[in-house]
Amino acid sequence: MTNERTPPSLEELDARLREARRNAGLDKPEDPQGGGSSASDMSLGVRIGVELVAGVLLGLLVGYGIDRWLETKPFGMIIMVLLGAIAGFMNVYRVANGHGYAAGYAKSWKDQDGGE
């Protein structure tokens, strides 16, 4: 009464796992061209660069305006450039974690604590 079946080969198991993951939507379809990066990767890189530069430039412009208005020559610009850089890094962090500018951004802390 021994049931002697040969175990499937590793290649066969690997192919079945890949097919199951693809059917479940867990894997991206394989790139037929074999290229490493796609257009979405490049657009993500450009967006990250724009987020950083825009934060610093906006801080620079607001700081310059504050300095001219209040006559506090370098201090307003220095403080606002630092705040703009911090805002740029926060935006890059959000983009890199997949939050972006989606509505309900603050909802994620509830999901981690098991809240409703």
N, C-alpha and C. Protein backbone atom coordinates (compact mmCIF):
# COMPACT_ATOMS: atom_id res chain seq x y z
N MET A 1 0.79 -1.19 0.00
CA MET A 1 0.00 0.00 0.00
C MET A 1 0.84 1.26 0.00
N THR A 2 1.92 1.21 -0.57
CA THR A 2 2.74 2.41 -0.67
C THR A 2 2.37 3.14 -1.94
N ASN A 3 2.22 4.41 -1.77
CA ASN A 3 1.90 5.27 -2.90
C ASN A 3 3.18 5.97 -3.30
N GLU A 4 3.86 5.42 -4.27
CA GLU A 4 5.16 5.95 -4.66
C GLU A 4 5.01 6.89 -5.85
N ARG A 5 4.82 8.14 -5.53
CA ARG A 5 4.78 9.17 -6.58
C ARG A 5 6.09 9.91 -6.54
N THR A 6 6.59 10.25 -7.68
CA THR A 6 7.82 11.03 -7.71
C THR A 6 7.46 12.49 -7.47
N PRO A 7 8.23 13.16 -6.63
CA PRO A 7 7.94 14.58 -6.38
C PRO A 7 8.21 15.39 -7.64
N PRO A 8 7.46 16.47 -7.83
CA PRO A 8 7.69 17.30 -9.01
C PRO A 8 9.05 17.98 -8.93
N SER A 9 9.58 18.28 -10.07
CA SER A 9 10.88 18.94 -10.12
C SER A 9 10.75 20.39 -9.63
N LEU A 10 11.87 20.96 -9.27
CA LEU A 10 11.85 22.35 -8.79
C LEU A 10 11.44 23.32 -9.89
N GLU A 11 11.83 23.04 -11.11
CA GLU A 11 11.44 23.90 -12.21
C GLU A 11 9.92 23.89 -12.39
N GLU A 12 9.33 22.71 -12.27
CA GLU A 12 7.88 22.60 -12.41
C GLU A 12 7.17 23.35 -11.27
N LEU A 13 7.67 23.20 -10.06
CA LEU A 13 7.09 23.93 -8.92
C LEU A 13 7.23 25.44 -9.11
N ASP A 14 8.39 25.86 -9.58
CA ASP A 14 8.62 27.28 -9.80
C ASP A 14 7.67 27.83 -10.86
N ALA A 15 7.47 27.10 -11.93
CA ALA A 15 6.56 27.54 -12.98
C ALA A 15 5.12 27.61 -12.46
N ARG A 16 4.72 26.64 -11.66
CA ARG A 16 3.36 26.65 -11.11
C ARG A 16 3.17 27.81 -10.13
N LEU A 17 4.20 28.10 -9.32
CA LEU A 17 4.12 29.23 -8.39
C LEU A 17 4.03 30.56 -9.14
N ARG A 18 4.86 30.71 -10.18
CA ARG A 18 4.80 31.94 -10.98
C ARG A 18 3.44 32.14 -11.61
N GLU A 19 2.88 31.06 -12.14
CA GLU A 19 1.56 31.14 -12.76
C GLU A 19 0.48 31.50 -11.74
N ALA A 20 0.55 30.90 -10.55
CA ALA A 20 -0.44 31.19 -9.51
C ALA A 20 -0.31 32.63 -9.03
N ARG A 21 0.91 33.14 -8.88
CA ARG A 21 1.10 34.53 -8.46
C ARG A 21 0.60 35.49 -9.53
N ARG A 22 0.86 35.17 -10.79
CA ARG A 22 0.40 36.03 -11.89
C ARG A 22 -1.13 36.02 -11.95
N ASN A 23 -1.77 34.86 -11.77
CA ASN A 23 -3.23 34.79 -11.78
C ASN A 23 -3.85 35.52 -10.60
N ALA A 24 -3.16 35.54 -9.47
CA ALA A 24 -3.68 36.22 -8.29
C ALA A 24 -3.41 37.72 -8.33
N GLY A 25 -2.63 38.18 -9.31
CA GLY A 25 -2.33 39.60 -9.44
C GLY A 25 -1.22 40.07 -8.52
N LEU A 26 -0.40 39.15 -8.02
CA LEU A 26 0.68 39.53 -7.11
C LEU A 26 1.96 39.88 -7.84
N ASP A 27 2.11 39.45 -9.06
CA ASP A 27 3.30 39.75 -9.84
C ASP A 27 2.91 40.57 -11.05
N LYS A 28 3.84 41.41 -11.47
CA LYS A 28 3.65 42.12 -12.72
C LYS A 28 3.91 41.14 -13.86
N PRO A 29 3.26 41.32 -14.98
CA PRO A 29 3.58 40.46 -16.11
C PRO A 29 5.02 40.69 -16.54
N GLU A 30 5.65 39.66 -17.03
CA GLU A 30 7.05 39.77 -17.42
C GLU A 30 7.19 40.70 -18.60
N ASP A 31 8.27 41.48 -18.60
CA ASP A 31 8.54 42.42 -19.67
C ASP A 31 9.08 41.66 -20.87
N PRO A 32 8.38 41.67 -22.01
CA PRO A 32 8.86 40.90 -23.15
C PRO A 32 10.16 41.44 -23.72
N GLN A 33 10.44 42.74 -23.53
CA GLN A 33 11.67 43.32 -24.06
C GLN A 33 12.85 43.07 -23.15
N GLY A 34 12.59 42.72 -21.89
CA GLY A 34 13.67 42.44 -20.96
C GLY A 34 14.34 43.68 -20.41
N GLY A 35 13.77 44.85 -20.63
CA GLY A 35 14.34 46.09 -20.11
C GLY A 35 14.15 46.19 -18.61
N GLY A 36 15.04 46.91 -17.93
CA GLY A 36 14.96 47.00 -16.49
C GLY A 36 13.96 48.03 -15.99
N SER A 37 13.93 49.21 -16.61
CA SER A 37 13.07 50.27 -16.10
C SER A 37 11.94 50.53 -17.07
N SER A 38 10.86 51.02 -16.56
CA SER A 38 9.71 51.34 -17.39
C SER A 38 9.46 52.84 -17.32
N ALA A 39 8.45 53.26 -18.05
CA ALA A 39 8.13 54.69 -18.06
C ALA A 39 7.62 55.15 -16.70
N SER A 40 6.92 54.26 -15.98
CA SER A 40 6.42 54.67 -14.67
C SER A 40 7.57 54.86 -13.68
N ASP A 41 8.64 54.07 -13.81
CA ASP A 41 9.80 54.27 -12.95
C ASP A 41 10.46 55.61 -13.21
N MET A 42 10.55 55.96 -14.48
CA MET A 42 11.17 57.24 -14.83
C MET A 42 10.30 58.40 -14.36
N SER A 43 8.99 58.27 -14.49
CA SER A 43 8.12 59.35 -14.05
C SER A 43 8.17 59.50 -12.53
N LEU A 44 8.33 58.40 -11.82
CA LEU A 44 8.48 58.48 -10.37
C LEU A 44 9.77 59.21 -10.00
N GLY A 45 10.84 58.93 -10.70
CA GLY A 45 12.11 59.62 -10.44
C GLY A 45 12.02 61.11 -10.72
N VAL A 46 11.36 61.47 -11.82
CA VAL A 46 11.19 62.89 -12.15
C VAL A 46 10.31 63.57 -11.10
N ARG A 47 9.26 62.88 -10.65
CA ARG A 47 8.37 63.47 -9.64
C ARG A 47 9.12 63.73 -8.35
N ILE A 48 9.98 62.79 -7.94
CA ILE A 48 10.75 62.97 -6.71
C ILE A 48 11.68 64.18 -6.84
N GLY A 49 12.33 64.31 -7.99
CA GLY A 49 13.21 65.47 -8.21
C GLY A 49 12.45 66.78 -8.19
N VAL A 50 11.29 66.80 -8.80
CA VAL A 50 10.48 68.02 -8.84
C VAL A 50 9.99 68.38 -7.43
N GLU A 51 9.61 67.36 -6.65
CA GLU A 51 9.15 67.62 -5.28
C GLU A 51 10.25 68.31 -4.46
N LEU A 52 11.47 67.82 -4.58
CA LEU A 52 12.57 68.43 -3.82
C LEU A 52 12.86 69.85 -4.26
N VAL A 53 12.99 70.04 -5.56
CA VAL A 53 13.33 71.36 -6.09
C VAL A 53 12.21 72.36 -5.83
N ALA A 54 10.97 71.94 -5.99
CA ALA A 54 9.84 72.85 -5.80
C ALA A 54 9.75 73.31 -4.34
N GLY A 55 10.00 72.42 -3.40
CA GLY A 55 9.96 72.81 -1.99
C GLY A 55 11.00 73.86 -1.67
N VAL A 56 12.21 73.66 -2.16
CA VAL A 56 13.29 74.61 -1.88
C VAL A 56 13.04 75.94 -2.59
N LEU A 57 12.61 75.90 -3.85
CA LEU A 57 12.36 77.15 -4.57
C LEU A 57 11.20 77.94 -3.97
N LEU A 58 10.15 77.25 -3.58
CA LEU A 58 9.03 77.96 -2.95
C LEU A 58 9.47 78.59 -1.63
N GLY A 59 10.26 77.87 -0.84
CA GLY A 59 10.78 78.43 0.39
C GLY A 59 11.67 79.64 0.13
N LEU A 60 12.46 79.57 -0.94
CA LEU A 60 13.34 80.68 -1.31
C LEU A 60 12.52 81.91 -1.68
N LEU A 61 11.48 81.73 -2.48
CA LEU A 61 10.66 82.87 -2.89
C LEU A 61 9.89 83.47 -1.73
N VAL A 62 9.30 82.63 -0.89
CA VAL A 62 8.56 83.14 0.26
C VAL A 62 9.51 83.84 1.23
N GLY A 63 10.67 83.27 1.45
CA GLY A 63 11.67 83.89 2.33
C GLY A 63 12.14 85.23 1.81
N TYR A 64 12.34 85.32 0.49
CA TYR A 64 12.74 86.59 -0.10
C TYR A 64 11.65 87.65 0.10
N GLY A 65 10.40 87.23 -0.09
CA GLY A 65 9.29 88.17 0.12
C GLY A 65 9.19 88.61 1.57
N ILE A 66 9.37 87.69 2.49
CA ILE A 66 9.33 88.06 3.92
C ILE A 66 10.47 89.00 4.27
N ASP A 67 11.66 88.74 3.73
CA ASP A 67 12.82 89.61 3.99
C ASP A 67 12.59 91.02 3.45
N ARG A 68 12.00 91.14 2.28
CA ARG A 68 11.75 92.48 1.73
C ARG A 68 10.65 93.19 2.51
N TRP A 69 9.66 92.43 2.96
CA TRP A 69 8.53 93.03 3.67
C TRP A 69 8.91 93.46 5.08
N LEU A 70 9.63 92.60 5.81
CA LEU A 70 9.98 92.89 7.20
C LEU A 70 11.40 93.43 7.36
N GLU A 71 12.14 93.52 6.27
CA GLU A 71 13.54 94.00 6.28
C GLU A 71 14.39 93.22 7.27
N THR A 72 14.34 91.92 7.18
CA THR A 72 15.15 91.02 8.02
C THR A 72 16.10 90.24 7.12
N LYS A 73 16.90 90.94 6.36
CA LYS A 73 17.60 90.46 5.19
C LYS A 73 17.88 88.95 5.12
N PRO A 74 18.80 88.31 5.76
CA PRO A 74 19.02 86.91 5.39
C PRO A 74 18.17 85.91 6.17
N PHE A 75 17.61 86.32 7.30
CA PHE A 75 17.03 85.34 8.22
C PHE A 75 15.72 84.72 7.71
N GLY A 76 14.85 85.50 7.11
CA GLY A 76 13.61 84.95 6.58
C GLY A 76 13.87 83.95 5.47
N MET A 77 14.83 84.29 4.60
CA MET A 77 15.15 83.40 3.50
C MET A 77 15.77 82.10 4.00
N ILE A 78 16.66 82.19 4.96
CA ILE A 78 17.31 80.98 5.50
C ILE A 78 16.28 80.06 6.14
N ILE A 79 15.42 80.63 6.95
CA ILE A 79 14.42 79.82 7.64
C ILE A 79 13.44 79.20 6.65
N MET A 80 12.99 79.98 5.67
CA MET A 80 12.01 79.46 4.72
C MET A 80 12.62 78.43 3.76
N VAL A 81 13.88 78.58 3.40
CA VAL A 81 14.53 77.57 2.56
C VAL A 81 14.63 76.25 3.33
N LEU A 82 14.98 76.33 4.61
CA LEU A 82 15.04 75.10 5.41
C LEU A 82 13.66 74.45 5.54
N LEU A 83 12.63 75.28 5.78
CA LEU A 83 11.27 74.72 5.85
C LEU A 83 10.83 74.14 4.51
N GLY A 84 11.21 74.79 3.41
CA GLY A 84 10.88 74.26 2.09
C GLY A 84 11.58 72.95 1.81
N ALA A 85 12.84 72.83 2.25
CA ALA A 85 13.57 71.57 2.07
C ALA A 85 12.93 70.46 2.90
N ILE A 86 12.52 70.78 4.11
CA ILE A 86 11.85 69.78 4.95
C ILE A 86 10.54 69.35 4.31
N ALA A 87 9.78 70.30 3.79
CA ALA A 87 8.52 69.96 3.12
C ALA A 87 8.78 69.11 1.88
N GLY A 88 9.84 69.41 1.14
CA GLY A 88 10.19 68.60 -0.03
C GLY A 88 10.54 67.18 0.35
N PHE A 89 11.31 67.01 1.42
CA PHE A 89 11.66 65.66 1.87
C PHE A 89 10.44 64.90 2.38
N MET A 90 9.53 65.61 3.03
CA MET A 90 8.30 64.94 3.47
C MET A 90 7.47 64.46 2.28
N ASN A 91 7.41 65.29 1.23
CA ASN A 91 6.67 64.88 0.03
C ASN A 91 7.34 63.70 -0.65
N VAL A 92 8.66 63.68 -0.69
CA VAL A 92 9.37 62.55 -1.28
C VAL A 92 9.11 61.29 -0.47
N TYR A 93 9.08 61.41 0.85
CA TYR A 93 8.79 60.27 1.70
C TYR A 93 7.39 59.72 1.43
N ARG A 94 6.42 60.60 1.26
CA ARG A 94 5.05 60.17 0.97
C ARG A 94 4.97 59.48 -0.39
N VAL A 95 5.65 60.03 -1.38
CA VAL A 95 5.64 59.43 -2.71
C VAL A 95 6.32 58.06 -2.67
N ALA A 96 7.44 57.97 -1.98
CA ALA A 96 8.18 56.71 -1.94
C ALA A 96 7.42 55.62 -1.20
N ASN A 97 6.59 55.99 -0.24
CA ASN A 97 5.80 55.00 0.49
C ASN A 97 4.47 54.70 -0.19
N GLY A 98 4.21 55.35 -1.30
CA GLY A 98 2.99 55.07 -2.04
C GLY A 98 1.79 55.86 -1.59
N HIS A 99 1.96 56.79 -0.68
CA HIS A 99 0.82 57.58 -0.22
C HIS A 99 0.49 58.69 -1.20
N GLY A 100 1.49 59.34 -1.73
CA GLY A 100 1.26 60.42 -2.69
C GLY A 100 0.37 61.48 -2.11
N TYR A 101 -0.58 61.92 -2.89
CA TYR A 101 -1.53 62.93 -2.44
C TYR A 101 -2.93 62.33 -2.38
N ALA A 102 -3.01 61.05 -2.10
CA ALA A 102 -4.30 60.37 -2.08
C ALA A 102 -5.17 60.91 -0.97
N ALA A 103 -6.47 60.95 -1.21
CA ALA A 103 -7.41 61.38 -0.19
C ALA A 103 -7.41 60.36 0.93
N GLY A 104 -7.50 60.82 2.14
CA GLY A 104 -7.50 59.91 3.29
C GLY A 104 -6.11 59.48 3.69
N TYR A 105 -5.12 60.34 3.48
CA TYR A 105 -3.74 59.99 3.79
C TYR A 105 -3.56 59.64 5.26
N ALA A 106 -4.26 60.35 6.17
CA ALA A 106 -4.10 60.11 7.61
C ALA A 106 -4.77 58.83 8.07
N LYS A 107 -5.47 58.14 7.19
CA LYS A 107 -6.17 56.92 7.56
C LYS A 107 -5.20 55.78 7.86
N SER A 108 -3.99 55.81 7.34
CA SER A 108 -3.08 54.68 7.45
C SER A 108 -2.70 54.36 8.89
N TRP A 109 -2.67 55.33 9.80
CA TRP A 109 -2.30 55.03 11.18
C TRP A 109 -3.35 54.16 11.85
N LYS A 110 -4.60 54.31 11.47
CA LYS A 110 -5.66 53.48 12.03
C LYS A 110 -5.52 52.05 11.56
N ASP A 111 -5.14 51.87 10.32
CA ASP A 111 -4.99 50.52 9.77
C ASP A 111 -3.89 49.75 10.49
N GLN A 112 -2.83 50.44 10.90
CA GLN A 112 -1.73 49.77 11.57
C GLN A 112 -2.10 49.37 12.99
N ASP A 113 -2.96 50.14 13.66
CA ASP A 113 -3.34 49.84 15.03
C ASP A 113 -4.54 48.91 15.11
N GLY A 114 -5.10 48.53 13.99
CA GLY A 114 -6.27 47.67 13.99
C GLY A 114 -7.55 48.43 14.24
N GLY A 115 -7.54 49.75 14.03
CA GLY A 115 -8.74 50.56 14.27
C GLY A 115 -9.72 50.41 13.12
N GLU A 116 -10.82 51.12 13.22
CA GLU A 116 -11.85 51.04 12.18
C GLU A 116 -11.67 52.09 11.14
